[in-house]
Amino acid sequence: MTILVEKMSKPLLDLENLRIAYPGQGDKPTWAVDGVSLSLAPGERLGLVGESGCGKSTLGRAVMRLLPSQTKVEGQAYFQGKSIFDLRAEALRRFRGEAIALIFQDPMTRLDPLMTIGEHCLETLLAHQPHLSRKEAKKIAVQTLETVKIPPERWSQYPHEFSGGMRQRVAIALALLLDPKLIVADEPTTSLDVTVSAEILQELTRLCRDRDMALLLISHDLAMVGEYCDRIAVMYGGLLVELGKTESVLQNPQHEYTRSLLQAALHIQAVDTQPESPELKIKNSEAEANSSKLKTQNSKLPNPLLCLEELQQYYSLEVNFIERLFFAKKSQTIKAVDGVSLELYPGEILGLVGESGCGKSTLSRTVLQLVRPTGGKVEFLGRDLTKLSNQSVRQLRRQMQMVFQDPHACLNPMMTVGQSIIDPLLIHRLASPAEAKTKVEKMLERVGLTPVEDYYNRYPGQLSGGQQQRVAIARALIVNPQLVICDEPVSMLDASVQTQVLELMLELKEEFDLTYLFITHDLWVARFFCDRIAVMNSGRIVEIGRTHDIFTNPQHPYTQTLLAAAPLLAKA
């Protein structure tokens, strides 16, 4: 009996004094991971949290042996008692996928744009299980895709035809295909809304329990980690500064950095339970009046900055010749945006929330006329953009700027920070090169990237995620726009950096007299940041109202479902 207990208590993954330094740093390397020791038991769920650049993802990649070839590694990593660093090529190939699977943060860079989603699944299965027929492999793959809410009719589509959240679901399905003993999930739900995040994490939790599968969940979302993990490990500057049971770490954090992370997360999630003050009532009444469509002719309310009327964006899913000929299949129509009407007033922050694939990002691209709408009207500054020429739209687009979800993907890696921010000024001919440089230096200082001379000449790859997002904000504001569309601008940032960026955006709104259309799947961020919230589901706006009313008295069942699924740190 004693022998059995010892066998059961043996860790699945065991890291001993692991130190990692990336190549090209000379004789005195900077350790990205510095002396980390931890273990993970079969069926256990361990959450690894910390700010961007602290070494979380480096640790995850080390476990998979996915670090650059010249990386300096000290210490040991064992899986089921065998050294991971001693595995030979064939054993390593089987180890990746069958023993440990990795879910990356950015699926678009991991999926082949020339392969359909179905081909991705078949390739993964048949490479490790060649005895399966293609029919058997497809059956397994379809079942796994359905687990993450990808319907079978999307089998023949390509990655670019999916939303960011749906691509992330595909990445999770690929990790689950081979039934691994450990999943390393690096920010697996960053691009997903709360309902799908909850469904996937509940599924991962069930798999851990039923299959005795372990989960290493790398995340900046403390509330999510607190809800789904047995233990929490906190990293800071490459060091493991705190490790313990989830309840203990969240209720009684020992390290100062852990306390600061909790404070930042609770600041965003803080729910106002106090009754509305007279001043707040007046402000909310004005916002409600602004949002009303039933304005009288003599009303002194300002005209809307942006007005959408019955906006539509439809896409066709074409079937191939064989399916059309032999199975009489017809093309499907996806109604990404289906009759959306809303108004956005000067100085307002309107939040647009909803699940991945509901049409939020498509709506933003349609507003900017990056894709022409199927129907409806987009009025900006009183002009219908759908009836303007491309040249006229380009001229107006200076007044409409966008801050994207992934700043690293939208900044040219070959251009310095200064060049990236100067570019819009020169494109729109708003300043001479000398004037432009002066304006950029002032903007860098305003967004907190100091010393300016240092950051001006850096490249995006030399910045943290939060610093990159500040560059993206500076680039959007340098042309002095009236409307800024923010598409998940803080979803990839940890709690402390999220708070810094959101508060910076609020300050800049007042200083530059901005209006924000703020797209997010994070309900707590929307509550912290927005005046009004529009809830989107399946291409339609199902509810719109003041933020306070949406959170305290949601009317639509879908809004109620979203709020119920949102993880709340205070519950932990």
Protein backbone atom coordinates (compact mmCIF):
# COMPACT_ATOMS: atom_id res chain seq x y z
CA MET A 1 0.00 0.00 0.00
CA THR A 2 2.85 2.35 0.83
CA ILE A 3 4.44 1.72 -2.57
CA LEU A 4 1.17 2.61 -4.31
CA VAL A 5 0.91 5.93 -2.46
CA GLU A 6 4.48 6.82 -3.37
CA LYS A 7 3.78 6.03 -7.03
CA MET A 8 0.62 8.15 -7.07
CA SER A 9 2.36 11.11 -5.45
CA LYS A 10 5.13 11.14 -8.04
CA PRO A 11 4.95 14.41 -10.02
CA LEU A 12 4.05 14.43 -13.71
CA LEU A 13 6.24 17.47 -14.38
CA ASP A 14 9.16 18.47 -12.20
CA LEU A 15 11.35 21.57 -12.73
CA GLU A 16 14.52 21.91 -10.66
CA ASN A 17 16.36 25.25 -10.42
CA LEU A 18 15.61 26.04 -14.09
CA ARG A 19 17.51 28.99 -15.57
CA ILE A 20 17.06 30.23 -19.15
CA ALA A 21 18.88 32.98 -21.08
CA TYR A 22 18.21 33.79 -24.71
CA PRO A 23 21.13 33.77 -27.20
CA GLY A 24 23.19 36.81 -28.20
CA GLN A 25 23.78 38.26 -24.74
CA GLY A 26 27.52 37.69 -24.35
CA ASP A 27 29.30 36.30 -21.30
CA LYS A 28 26.92 37.84 -18.75
CA PRO A 29 23.43 36.72 -19.82
CA THR A 30 20.19 38.14 -18.51
CA TRP A 31 18.16 35.25 -17.16
CA ALA A 32 14.60 35.28 -18.54
CA VAL A 33 13.86 32.46 -16.09
CA ASP A 34 16.04 32.47 -12.98
CA GLY A 35 16.14 29.47 -10.67
CA VAL A 36 12.51 28.29 -10.95
CA SER A 37 11.57 25.06 -9.17
CA LEU A 38 8.04 23.65 -9.20
CA SER A 39 6.17 20.42 -9.79
CA LEU A 40 2.82 19.46 -11.26
CA ALA A 41 0.91 16.32 -10.31
CA PRO A 42 -1.31 14.26 -12.67
CA GLY A 43 -4.75 15.87 -12.92
CA GLU A 44 -3.58 19.08 -11.22
CA ARG A 45 -4.28 22.58 -12.56
CA LEU A 46 -1.54 25.13 -11.91
CA GLY A 47 -1.97 28.79 -12.83
CA LEU A 48 1.19 30.73 -13.77
CA VAL A 49 0.65 34.50 -13.55
CA GLY A 50 2.77 37.62 -13.85
CA GLU A 51 3.32 40.70 -15.98
CA SER A 52 4.41 40.58 -19.63
CA GLY A 53 8.14 39.86 -19.90
CA CYS A 54 8.37 38.08 -16.54
CA GLY A 55 9.26 34.69 -18.10
CA LYS A 56 5.89 32.86 -18.08
CA SER A 57 5.86 31.96 -21.78
CA THR A 58 9.59 31.18 -21.75
CA LEU A 59 8.94 28.62 -19.02
CA GLY A 60 6.10 27.08 -21.06
CA ARG A 61 8.24 26.81 -24.17
CA ALA A 62 11.12 25.29 -22.20
CA VAL A 63 8.83 22.46 -21.07
CA MET A 64 8.09 21.76 -24.76
CA ARG A 65 11.74 22.15 -25.89
CA LEU A 66 10.71 25.01 -28.21
CA LEU A 67 13.39 27.53 -27.27
CA PRO A 68 15.90 28.89 -29.88
CA SER A 69 18.81 26.54 -30.54
CA GLN A 70 21.52 28.63 -28.86
CA THR A 71 19.49 29.35 -25.71
CA LYS A 72 21.45 28.84 -22.50
CA VAL A 73 19.62 26.44 -20.17
CA GLU A 74 20.66 25.36 -16.70
CA GLY A 75 18.85 23.09 -14.26
CA GLN A 76 16.57 20.17 -15.06
CA ALA A 77 13.06 19.46 -16.34
CA TYR A 78 11.57 15.99 -15.86
CA PHE A 79 8.38 14.52 -17.29
CA GLN A 80 7.26 11.28 -15.60
CA GLY A 81 10.78 10.98 -14.21
CA LYS A 82 12.55 11.30 -17.60
CA SER A 83 14.69 14.30 -18.54
CA ILE A 84 12.99 16.43 -21.19
CA PHE A 85 16.31 17.96 -22.25
CA ASP A 86 17.79 14.50 -23.03
CA LEU A 87 15.05 13.42 -25.48
CA ARG A 88 16.28 12.54 -28.97
CA ALA A 89 14.57 13.75 -32.16
CA GLU A 90 12.06 10.90 -32.66
CA ALA A 91 11.13 10.69 -28.98
CA LEU A 92 10.81 14.49 -28.86
CA ARG A 93 8.44 14.45 -31.85
CA ARG A 94 6.15 11.95 -30.10
CA PHE A 95 6.52 13.81 -26.79
CA ARG A 96 5.15 17.02 -28.35
CA GLY A 97 1.46 16.46 -28.85
CA GLU A 98 1.08 13.00 -27.34
CA ALA A 99 2.58 13.71 -23.89
CA ILE A 100 2.42 17.53 -23.74
CA ALA A 101 0.40 19.85 -25.97
CA LEU A 102 0.87 23.61 -26.21
CA ILE A 103 -1.86 26.17 -26.87
CA PHE A 104 -0.27 29.38 -28.14
CA GLN A 105 -1.51 32.89 -27.40
CA ASP A 106 -1.67 34.06 -31.04
CA PRO A 107 -3.20 31.31 -33.21
CA MET A 108 -2.95 33.25 -36.48
CA THR A 109 0.83 32.93 -36.45
CA ARG A 110 0.58 29.17 -35.73
CA LEU A 111 -2.01 28.17 -38.35
CA ASP A 112 -0.99 27.67 -41.97
CA PRO A 113 -2.93 30.21 -44.07
CA LEU A 114 -2.88 27.80 -47.06
CA MET A 115 -4.53 24.92 -45.16
CA THR A 116 -8.18 24.57 -44.22
CA ILE A 117 -9.15 24.01 -40.59
CA GLY A 118 -10.01 20.41 -41.44
CA GLU A 119 -6.60 19.81 -43.02
CA HIS A 120 -4.91 21.14 -39.87
CA CYS A 121 -6.79 18.58 -37.79
CA LEU A 122 -6.19 15.65 -40.15
CA GLU A 123 -2.47 16.43 -40.43
CA THR A 124 -2.08 16.48 -36.64
CA LEU A 125 -3.95 13.23 -36.11
CA LEU A 126 -2.43 11.23 -38.98
CA ALA A 127 1.14 12.35 -38.18
CA HIS A 128 0.85 10.72 -34.74
CA GLN A 129 -1.70 7.99 -35.49
CA PRO A 130 -1.03 6.81 -39.08
CA HIS A 131 -3.13 3.66 -38.52
CA LEU A 132 -6.30 5.79 -38.67
CA SER A 133 -8.17 6.12 -41.96
CA ARG A 134 -9.03 9.65 -43.10
CA LYS A 135 -12.71 8.92 -42.33
CA GLU A 136 -11.88 7.85 -38.76
CA ALA A 137 -9.57 10.83 -38.28
CA LYS A 138 -12.23 13.23 -39.56
CA LYS A 139 -14.82 11.80 -37.14
CA ILE A 140 -12.48 12.38 -34.18
CA ALA A 141 -11.58 15.86 -35.43
CA VAL A 142 -15.21 16.95 -35.97
CA GLN A 143 -16.12 15.80 -32.44
CA THR A 144 -13.18 17.74 -30.98
CA LEU A 145 -14.03 20.87 -32.96
CA GLU A 146 -17.63 20.67 -31.75
CA THR A 147 -16.28 20.55 -28.19
CA VAL A 148 -14.94 24.07 -28.70
CA LYS A 149 -18.08 25.22 -30.56
CA ILE A 150 -16.73 25.06 -34.14
CA PRO A 151 -19.60 23.65 -36.29
CA PRO A 152 -18.84 20.97 -38.94
CA GLU A 153 -19.81 23.31 -41.81
CA ARG A 154 -16.71 25.41 -41.08
CA TRP A 155 -14.46 22.37 -41.81
CA SER A 156 -13.38 23.57 -45.28
CA GLN A 157 -12.67 27.18 -44.35
CA TYR A 158 -9.26 28.82 -43.97
CA PRO A 159 -7.89 30.57 -40.85
CA HIS A 160 -8.39 34.08 -42.27
CA GLU A 161 -12.11 33.35 -42.60
CA PHE A 162 -12.42 32.94 -38.83
CA SER A 163 -12.56 35.60 -36.15
CA GLY A 164 -9.65 35.85 -33.70
CA GLY A 165 -11.64 34.05 -31.02
CA MET A 166 -12.67 31.24 -33.36
CA ARG A 167 -9.04 30.74 -34.45
CA GLN A 168 -8.15 30.38 -30.78
CA ARG A 169 -10.82 27.71 -30.42
CA VAL A 170 -9.25 25.83 -33.34
CA ALA A 171 -5.85 26.02 -31.61
CA ILE A 172 -7.37 24.56 -28.44
CA ALA A 173 -9.01 21.76 -30.46
CA LEU A 174 -5.66 20.88 -32.09
CA ALA A 175 -4.11 20.58 -28.62
CA LEU A 176 -6.89 18.24 -27.43
CA LEU A 177 -6.84 15.95 -30.49
CA LEU A 178 -4.13 13.56 -29.25
CA ASP A 179 -5.38 13.28 -25.65
CA PRO A 180 -2.13 14.51 -24.02
CA LYS A 181 -1.21 14.01 -20.34
CA LEU A 182 -0.35 17.70 -19.88
CA ILE A 183 -1.58 20.83 -21.63
CA VAL A 184 0.51 23.99 -21.46
CA ALA A 185 -1.99 26.75 -22.22
CA ASP A 186 -0.30 30.10 -22.90
CA GLU A 187 -3.06 32.74 -22.58
CA PRO A 188 -5.55 30.34 -24.23
CA THR A 189 -8.65 32.50 -23.78
CA THR A 190 -7.21 35.98 -24.37
CA SER A 191 -9.21 36.36 -27.60
CA LEU A 192 -12.39 34.71 -26.30
CA ASP A 193 -15.49 36.12 -24.66
CA VAL A 194 -16.50 35.12 -21.14
CA THR A 195 -19.09 32.52 -22.16
CA VAL A 196 -16.78 30.62 -24.53
CA SER A 197 -13.86 31.02 -22.09
CA ALA A 198 -15.99 29.49 -19.35
CA GLU A 199 -17.11 26.63 -21.61
CA ILE A 200 -13.56 25.81 -22.74
CA LEU A 201 -12.03 26.04 -19.27
CA GLN A 202 -14.85 23.94 -17.85
CA GLU A 203 -14.12 21.40 -20.60
CA LEU A 204 -10.39 21.48 -19.83
CA THR A 205 -11.22 21.06 -16.13
CA ARG A 206 -13.44 18.07 -16.91
CA LEU A 207 -10.70 16.51 -19.07
CA CYS A 208 -8.18 16.99 -16.27
CA ARG A 209 -10.53 15.15 -13.92
CA ASP A 210 -11.70 12.39 -16.28
CA ARG A 211 -8.38 11.69 -18.04
CA ASP A 212 -6.06 12.51 -15.14
CA MET A 213 -4.63 15.25 -17.38
CA ALA A 214 -2.64 18.13 -15.90
CA LEU A 215 -2.96 21.78 -16.94
CA LEU A 216 -0.36 24.53 -16.77
CA LEU A 217 -2.44 27.66 -17.36
CA ILE A 218 -0.32 30.71 -18.21
CA SER A 219 -2.42 33.84 -17.88
CA HIS A 220 -2.62 37.45 -16.74
CA ASP A 221 -6.27 36.99 -15.73
CA LEU A 222 -6.21 36.45 -11.97
CA ALA A 223 -9.96 35.95 -11.72
CA MET A 224 -9.90 33.15 -14.31
CA VAL A 225 -6.90 31.45 -12.71
CA GLY A 226 -8.55 31.78 -9.31
CA GLU A 227 -11.70 30.06 -10.55
CA TYR A 228 -10.16 27.14 -12.45
CA CYS A 229 -6.75 26.35 -10.88
CA ASP A 230 -5.81 24.35 -7.78
CA ARG A 231 -2.58 26.29 -7.20
CA ILE A 232 -1.11 29.60 -8.31
CA ALA A 233 2.54 30.39 -9.12
CA VAL A 234 3.47 34.07 -9.40
CA MET A 235 6.48 35.13 -11.49
CA TYR A 236 8.25 38.48 -11.44
CA GLY A 237 11.47 39.37 -13.28
CA GLY A 238 12.20 35.71 -14.09
CA LEU A 239 11.83 34.64 -10.45
CA LEU A 240 9.13 32.53 -8.86
CA VAL A 241 8.11 34.89 -6.05
CA GLU A 242 5.06 33.05 -4.68
CA LEU A 243 3.58 29.55 -4.94
CA GLY A 244 0.64 28.13 -3.05
CA LYS A 245 -2.95 26.98 -3.04
CA THR A 246 -5.27 29.31 -4.95
CA GLU A 247 -7.39 30.31 -1.97
CA SER A 248 -4.32 31.04 0.14
CA VAL A 249 -2.58 33.17 -2.51
CA LEU A 250 -5.68 35.23 -3.34
CA GLN A 251 -6.85 35.77 0.22
CA ASN A 252 -3.49 36.15 1.92
CA PRO A 253 -0.75 37.04 -0.61
CA GLN A 254 2.74 37.09 0.89
CA HIS A 255 4.81 38.86 -1.76
CA GLU A 256 4.47 42.57 -2.47
CA TYR A 257 4.18 41.99 -6.22
CA THR A 258 1.29 39.52 -5.75
CA ARG A 259 -0.49 42.11 -3.62
CA SER A 260 -0.02 44.76 -6.34
CA LEU A 261 -1.45 42.40 -9.01
CA LEU A 262 -4.51 41.70 -6.87
CA GLN A 263 -5.01 45.38 -6.14
CA ALA A 264 -4.90 46.26 -9.87
CA ALA A 265 -7.35 43.48 -10.79
CA LEU A 266 -9.77 44.40 -8.00
CA HIS A 267 -9.57 48.08 -9.05
CA ILE A 268 -10.93 47.18 -12.50
CA GLN A 269 -13.54 44.76 -11.12
CA ALA A 270 -14.71 47.03 -8.29
CA VAL A 271 -18.50 47.14 -8.44
CA ASP A 272 -20.21 50.32 -7.28
CA THR A 273 -22.87 49.21 -4.82
CA GLN A 274 -23.63 52.73 -3.63
CA PRO A 275 -26.78 54.52 -4.81
CA GLU A 276 -26.29 57.04 -7.59
CA SER A 277 -25.25 60.50 -6.42
CA PRO A 278 -27.25 63.51 -7.71
CA GLU A 279 -24.31 64.45 -9.97
CA LEU A 280 -24.14 60.91 -11.38
CA LYS A 281 -27.90 60.88 -11.93
CA ILE A 282 -27.65 64.10 -13.95
CA LYS A 283 -24.75 62.71 -16.01
CA ASN A 284 -26.58 59.43 -16.63
CA SER A 285 -29.79 61.23 -17.58
CA GLU A 286 -27.84 63.24 -20.14
CA ALA A 287 -26.24 60.09 -21.55
CA GLU A 288 -29.64 58.42 -21.74
CA ALA A 289 -31.07 61.43 -23.53
CA ASN A 290 -28.16 61.42 -25.95
CA SER A 291 -28.78 57.78 -26.80
CA SER A 292 -32.50 58.28 -27.44
CA LYS A 293 -33.57 58.30 -31.06
CA LEU A 294 -36.77 60.17 -30.32
CA LYS A 295 -35.32 63.68 -30.26
CA THR A 296 -37.56 66.61 -31.00
CA GLN A 297 -36.70 69.09 -33.72
CA ASN A 298 -36.03 71.83 -31.15
CA SER A 299 -33.73 69.64 -29.05
CA LYS A 300 -30.42 71.20 -28.07
CA LEU A 301 -28.70 67.83 -27.78
CA PRO A 302 -25.54 67.51 -29.91
CA ASN A 303 -25.69 65.73 -33.23
CA PRO A 304 -24.19 62.23 -33.15
CA LEU A 305 -20.57 61.95 -34.25
CA LEU A 306 -21.26 58.48 -35.68
CA CYS A 307 -24.62 57.11 -36.74
CA LEU A 308 -25.24 53.58 -38.03
CA GLU A 309 -28.57 52.73 -39.66
CA GLU A 310 -29.49 49.11 -40.45
CA LEU A 311 -25.85 48.31 -41.20
CA GLN A 312 -25.28 44.92 -42.83
CA GLN A 313 -22.15 42.94 -43.64
CA TYR A 314 -22.85 39.55 -45.22
CA TYR A 315 -20.36 36.94 -46.44
CA SER A 316 -20.99 33.89 -48.63
CA LEU A 317 -19.54 30.46 -47.88
CA GLU A 318 -19.03 28.99 -51.34
CA VAL A 319 -19.32 25.22 -51.74
CA ASN A 320 -17.01 23.40 -54.14
CA PHE A 321 -18.09 22.05 -57.53
CA ILE A 322 -18.38 18.40 -56.35
CA GLU A 323 -20.65 19.27 -53.42
CA ARG A 324 -22.79 21.45 -55.65
CA LEU A 325 -23.08 18.78 -58.36
CA PHE A 326 -23.59 15.58 -56.35
CA PHE A 327 -25.05 16.78 -53.05
CA ALA A 328 -27.00 19.80 -54.30
CA LYS A 329 -25.46 21.94 -51.59
CA LYS A 330 -25.97 25.68 -51.82
CA SER A 331 -23.75 28.52 -50.72
CA GLN A 332 -24.31 29.68 -47.14
CA THR A 333 -24.59 33.28 -46.09
CA ILE A 334 -22.93 34.43 -42.86
CA LYS A 335 -24.61 37.55 -41.47
CA ALA A 336 -21.60 38.97 -39.61
CA VAL A 337 -23.39 42.31 -39.08
CA ASP A 338 -27.15 42.07 -39.42
CA GLY A 339 -29.09 45.34 -39.29
CA VAL A 340 -27.14 47.24 -36.62
CA SER A 341 -28.34 50.72 -35.68
CA LEU A 342 -26.68 52.87 -33.03
CA GLU A 343 -25.51 56.40 -32.33
CA LEU A 344 -22.26 57.60 -30.78
CA TYR A 345 -22.07 61.14 -29.41
CA PRO A 346 -19.06 63.48 -29.07
CA GLY A 347 -17.05 62.82 -25.91
CA GLU A 348 -18.78 59.51 -25.22
CA ILE A 349 -17.27 56.07 -24.60
CA LEU A 350 -19.51 53.38 -26.04
CA GLY A 351 -18.54 49.80 -25.24
CA LEU A 352 -19.35 47.02 -27.72
CA VAL A 353 -19.34 43.60 -26.03
CA GLY A 354 -20.24 40.10 -27.18
CA GLU A 355 -18.83 36.65 -27.87
CA SER A 356 -16.10 35.96 -30.40
CA GLY A 357 -17.51 35.72 -33.90
CA CYS A 358 -20.56 37.87 -33.08
CA GLY A 359 -19.45 40.60 -35.50
CA LYS A 360 -17.75 43.19 -33.25
CA SER A 361 -14.50 43.50 -35.23
CA THR A 362 -16.35 43.23 -38.56
CA LEU A 363 -18.52 46.15 -37.45
CA SER A 364 -15.43 48.26 -36.70
CA ARG A 365 -13.86 47.49 -40.09
CA THR A 366 -17.15 48.34 -41.79
CA VAL A 367 -17.38 51.67 -39.94
CA LEU A 368 -13.90 52.54 -41.18
CA GLN A 369 -14.88 51.38 -44.69
CA LEU A 370 -11.98 48.93 -44.75
CA VAL A 371 -14.69 46.62 -46.05
CA ARG A 372 -17.69 48.08 -47.84
CA PRO A 373 -21.03 47.14 -46.22
CA THR A 374 -23.62 44.91 -47.86
CA GLY A 375 -26.32 47.38 -46.89
CA GLY A 376 -27.25 50.18 -44.53
CA LYS A 377 -25.66 53.53 -43.77
CA VAL A 378 -22.59 54.81 -41.90
CA GLU A 379 -22.77 58.53 -41.13
CA PHE A 380 -19.66 60.20 -39.73
CA LEU A 381 -19.64 63.96 -39.11
CA GLY A 382 -22.93 64.11 -41.01
CA ARG A 383 -21.59 62.44 -44.17
CA ASP A 384 -22.64 59.01 -45.42
CA LEU A 385 -19.36 57.13 -45.88
CA THR A 386 -21.02 54.41 -47.96
CA LYS A 387 -21.68 56.93 -50.76
CA LEU A 388 -18.22 58.54 -50.81
CA SER A 389 -15.36 57.69 -53.15
CA ASN A 390 -12.31 55.86 -51.81
CA GLN A 391 -10.32 59.10 -51.97
CA SER A 392 -12.91 60.98 -49.90
CA VAL A 393 -13.06 58.16 -47.36
CA ARG A 394 -9.27 58.23 -47.02
CA GLN A 395 -9.38 61.94 -46.28
CA LEU A 396 -12.06 61.46 -43.60
CA ARG A 397 -10.23 58.47 -42.13
CA ARG A 398 -7.73 60.84 -40.53
CA GLN A 399 -10.55 61.71 -38.13
CA MET A 400 -11.16 58.00 -37.41
CA GLN A 401 -8.23 56.06 -35.99
CA MET A 402 -7.97 52.54 -34.65
CA VAL A 403 -6.07 50.88 -31.80
CA PHE A 404 -5.78 47.14 -32.49
CA GLN A 405 -5.74 44.16 -30.15
CA ASP A 406 -2.19 43.01 -30.90
CA PRO A 407 0.20 45.99 -31.18
CA HIS A 408 3.12 43.74 -32.10
CA ALA A 409 1.26 42.59 -35.23
CA CYS A 410 0.28 46.09 -36.36
CA LEU A 411 3.68 47.78 -35.83
CA ASN A 412 6.30 47.33 -38.56
CA PRO A 413 9.19 45.40 -36.94
CA MET A 414 11.65 47.10 -39.33
CA MET A 415 10.64 50.62 -38.29
CA THR A 416 11.68 52.34 -35.07
CA VAL A 417 9.07 53.66 -32.66
CA GLY A 418 9.71 57.19 -33.89
CA GLN A 419 9.31 56.21 -37.55
CA SER A 420 6.06 54.32 -36.83
CA ILE A 421 4.45 57.32 -35.13
CA ILE A 422 5.75 59.87 -37.65
CA ASP A 423 4.39 57.87 -40.59
CA PRO A 424 0.70 58.96 -40.30
CA LEU A 425 1.74 62.65 -40.09
CA LEU A 426 3.70 62.38 -43.32
CA ILE A 427 1.03 60.28 -45.09
CA HIS A 428 -1.66 62.88 -44.35
CA ARG A 429 0.80 65.76 -44.97
CA LEU A 430 0.11 67.31 -41.59
CA ALA A 431 3.69 68.39 -40.84
CA SER A 432 7.15 68.72 -42.26
CA PRO A 433 9.71 66.07 -41.16
CA ALA A 434 11.21 68.46 -38.58
CA GLU A 435 7.81 69.46 -37.19
CA ALA A 436 6.69 65.84 -37.19
CA LYS A 437 9.66 64.75 -35.08
CA THR A 438 8.91 67.44 -32.49
CA LYS A 439 5.26 66.34 -32.32
CA VAL A 440 6.24 62.70 -31.95
CA GLU A 441 8.63 63.47 -29.10
CA LYS A 442 5.85 65.33 -27.27
CA MET A 443 3.43 62.46 -27.85
CA LEU A 444 5.92 59.86 -26.58
CA GLU A 445 6.32 61.88 -23.42
CA ARG A 446 2.53 62.18 -23.08
CA VAL A 447 1.99 58.40 -23.28
CA GLY A 448 4.69 57.78 -20.70
CA LEU A 449 7.51 56.46 -22.92
CA THR A 450 10.44 58.30 -21.37
CA PRO A 451 13.29 59.00 -21.77
CA VAL A 452 12.00 60.02 -25.21
CA GLU A 453 15.42 59.81 -26.93
CA ASP A 454 15.72 56.18 -25.86
CA TYR A 455 12.25 55.01 -26.95
CA TYR A 456 12.29 57.03 -30.18
CA ASN A 457 15.05 54.82 -31.62
CA ARG A 458 13.88 51.47 -30.27
CA TYR A 459 12.19 48.78 -32.36
CA PRO A 460 8.86 47.13 -31.39
CA GLY A 461 10.62 43.87 -30.54
CA GLN A 462 12.59 45.69 -27.82
CA LEU A 463 9.42 46.75 -25.98
CA SER A 464 7.07 44.96 -23.58
CA GLY A 465 3.43 44.38 -24.52
CA GLY A 466 2.27 47.40 -22.51
CA GLN A 467 4.90 49.65 -24.09
CA GLN A 468 3.94 48.46 -27.58
CA GLN A 469 0.30 49.32 -26.87
CA ARG A 470 1.34 52.82 -25.76
CA VAL A 471 3.13 53.23 -29.11
CA ALA A 472 -0.04 52.09 -30.92
CA ILE A 473 -2.10 54.65 -28.96
CA ALA A 474 0.43 57.40 -29.74
CA ARG A 475 0.32 56.48 -33.43
CA ALA A 476 -3.49 56.72 -33.46
CA LEU A 477 -3.59 60.08 -31.65
CA ILE A 478 -0.76 61.84 -33.49
CA VAL A 479 -3.13 62.93 -36.31
CA ASN A 480 -5.57 64.46 -33.80
CA PRO A 481 -8.65 62.32 -34.63
CA GLN A 482 -12.17 62.81 -33.30
CA LEU A 483 -13.12 59.13 -33.11
CA VAL A 484 -10.87 56.31 -31.88
CA ILE A 485 -12.05 52.73 -32.38
CA CYS A 486 -10.36 50.43 -29.86
CA ASP A 487 -10.53 46.73 -30.78
CA GLU A 488 -9.63 44.72 -27.64
CA PRO A 489 -6.77 47.15 -26.82
CA VAL A 490 -5.89 45.67 -23.41
CA SER A 491 -6.88 42.01 -23.73
CA MET A 492 -3.26 40.82 -24.02
CA LEU A 493 -2.00 42.85 -21.05
CA ASP A 494 -1.70 41.81 -17.42
CA ALA A 495 -3.89 43.44 -14.77
CA SER A 496 -1.43 46.10 -13.61
CA VAL A 497 -0.55 47.19 -17.17
CA GLN A 498 -4.25 47.07 -18.15
CA THR A 499 -5.04 49.57 -15.43
CA GLN A 500 -2.20 51.86 -16.49
CA VAL A 501 -3.23 51.83 -20.17
CA LEU A 502 -6.95 52.34 -19.44
CA GLU A 503 -6.27 55.26 -17.11
CA LEU A 504 -3.92 56.75 -19.72
CA MET A 505 -6.68 56.46 -22.33
CA LEU A 506 -9.12 58.24 -20.01
CA GLU A 507 -6.63 61.07 -19.47
CA LEU A 508 -6.00 61.37 -23.22
CA LYS A 509 -9.75 61.43 -23.88
CA GLU A 510 -10.11 64.56 -21.76
CA GLU A 511 -6.95 66.18 -23.07
CA PHE A 512 -7.64 65.57 -26.80
CA ASP A 513 -11.47 65.69 -26.63
CA LEU A 514 -11.79 62.13 -27.97
CA THR A 515 -14.75 59.84 -28.55
CA TYR A 516 -14.18 56.09 -28.13
CA LEU A 517 -15.90 53.07 -29.62
CA PHE A 518 -14.46 50.45 -27.30
CA ILE A 519 -14.71 46.81 -28.42
CA THR A 520 -14.04 44.20 -25.76
CA HIS A 521 -15.09 40.79 -24.49
CA ASP A 522 -14.00 41.67 -20.94
CA LEU A 523 -17.12 42.86 -19.14
CA TRP A 524 -15.20 44.21 -16.15
CA VAL A 525 -12.99 46.35 -18.39
CA ALA A 526 -16.12 47.62 -20.18
CA ARG A 527 -17.72 48.48 -16.84
CA PHE A 528 -14.59 50.30 -15.68
CA PHE A 529 -14.13 52.28 -18.90
CA CYS A 530 -17.44 52.89 -20.73
CA ASP A 531 -20.37 55.31 -20.36
CA ARG A 532 -22.78 53.10 -22.31
CA ILE A 533 -22.63 49.46 -23.42
CA ALA A 534 -24.09 47.80 -26.52
CA VAL A 535 -24.36 44.01 -26.33
CA MET A 536 -23.91 42.20 -29.64
CA ASN A 537 -24.98 38.65 -30.44
CA SER A 538 -25.03 36.92 -33.85
CA GLY A 539 -24.55 40.16 -35.75
CA ARG A 540 -27.27 42.11 -33.92
CA ILE A 541 -27.40 44.59 -31.04
CA VAL A 542 -29.62 42.84 -28.49
CA GLU A 543 -29.33 45.43 -25.70
CA ILE A 544 -27.94 48.92 -25.30
CA GLY A 545 -27.97 51.20 -22.29
CA ARG A 546 -26.04 52.94 -19.54
CA THR A 547 -23.22 50.86 -18.07
CA HIS A 548 -24.73 51.02 -14.59
CA ASP A 549 -28.09 49.74 -15.85
CA ILE A 550 -26.59 46.94 -17.96
CA PHE A 551 -24.71 45.57 -14.94
CA THR A 552 -27.38 46.06 -12.30
CA ASN A 553 -30.51 45.28 -14.33
CA PRO A 554 -29.75 43.44 -17.62
CA GLN A 555 -32.88 42.92 -19.71
CA HIS A 556 -31.87 40.48 -22.45
CA PRO A 557 -31.24 36.79 -21.61
CA TYR A 558 -27.94 36.87 -23.54
CA THR A 559 -26.68 39.82 -21.45
CA GLN A 560 -27.66 37.94 -18.30
CA THR A 561 -25.74 34.89 -19.55
CA LEU A 562 -22.62 37.00 -20.24
CA LEU A 563 -22.68 38.55 -16.77
CA ALA A 564 -23.23 35.18 -15.09
CA ALA A 565 -20.23 33.69 -16.92
CA ALA A 566 -17.78 36.53 -16.12
CA PRO A 567 -15.25 35.36 -13.50
CA LEU A 568 -15.18 37.70 -10.50
CA LEU A 569 -12.05 37.88 -8.39
CA ALA A 570 -14.02 38.75 -5.29
CA LYS A 571 -15.63 35.28 -5.44
CA ALA A 572 -12.29 33.53 -5.10
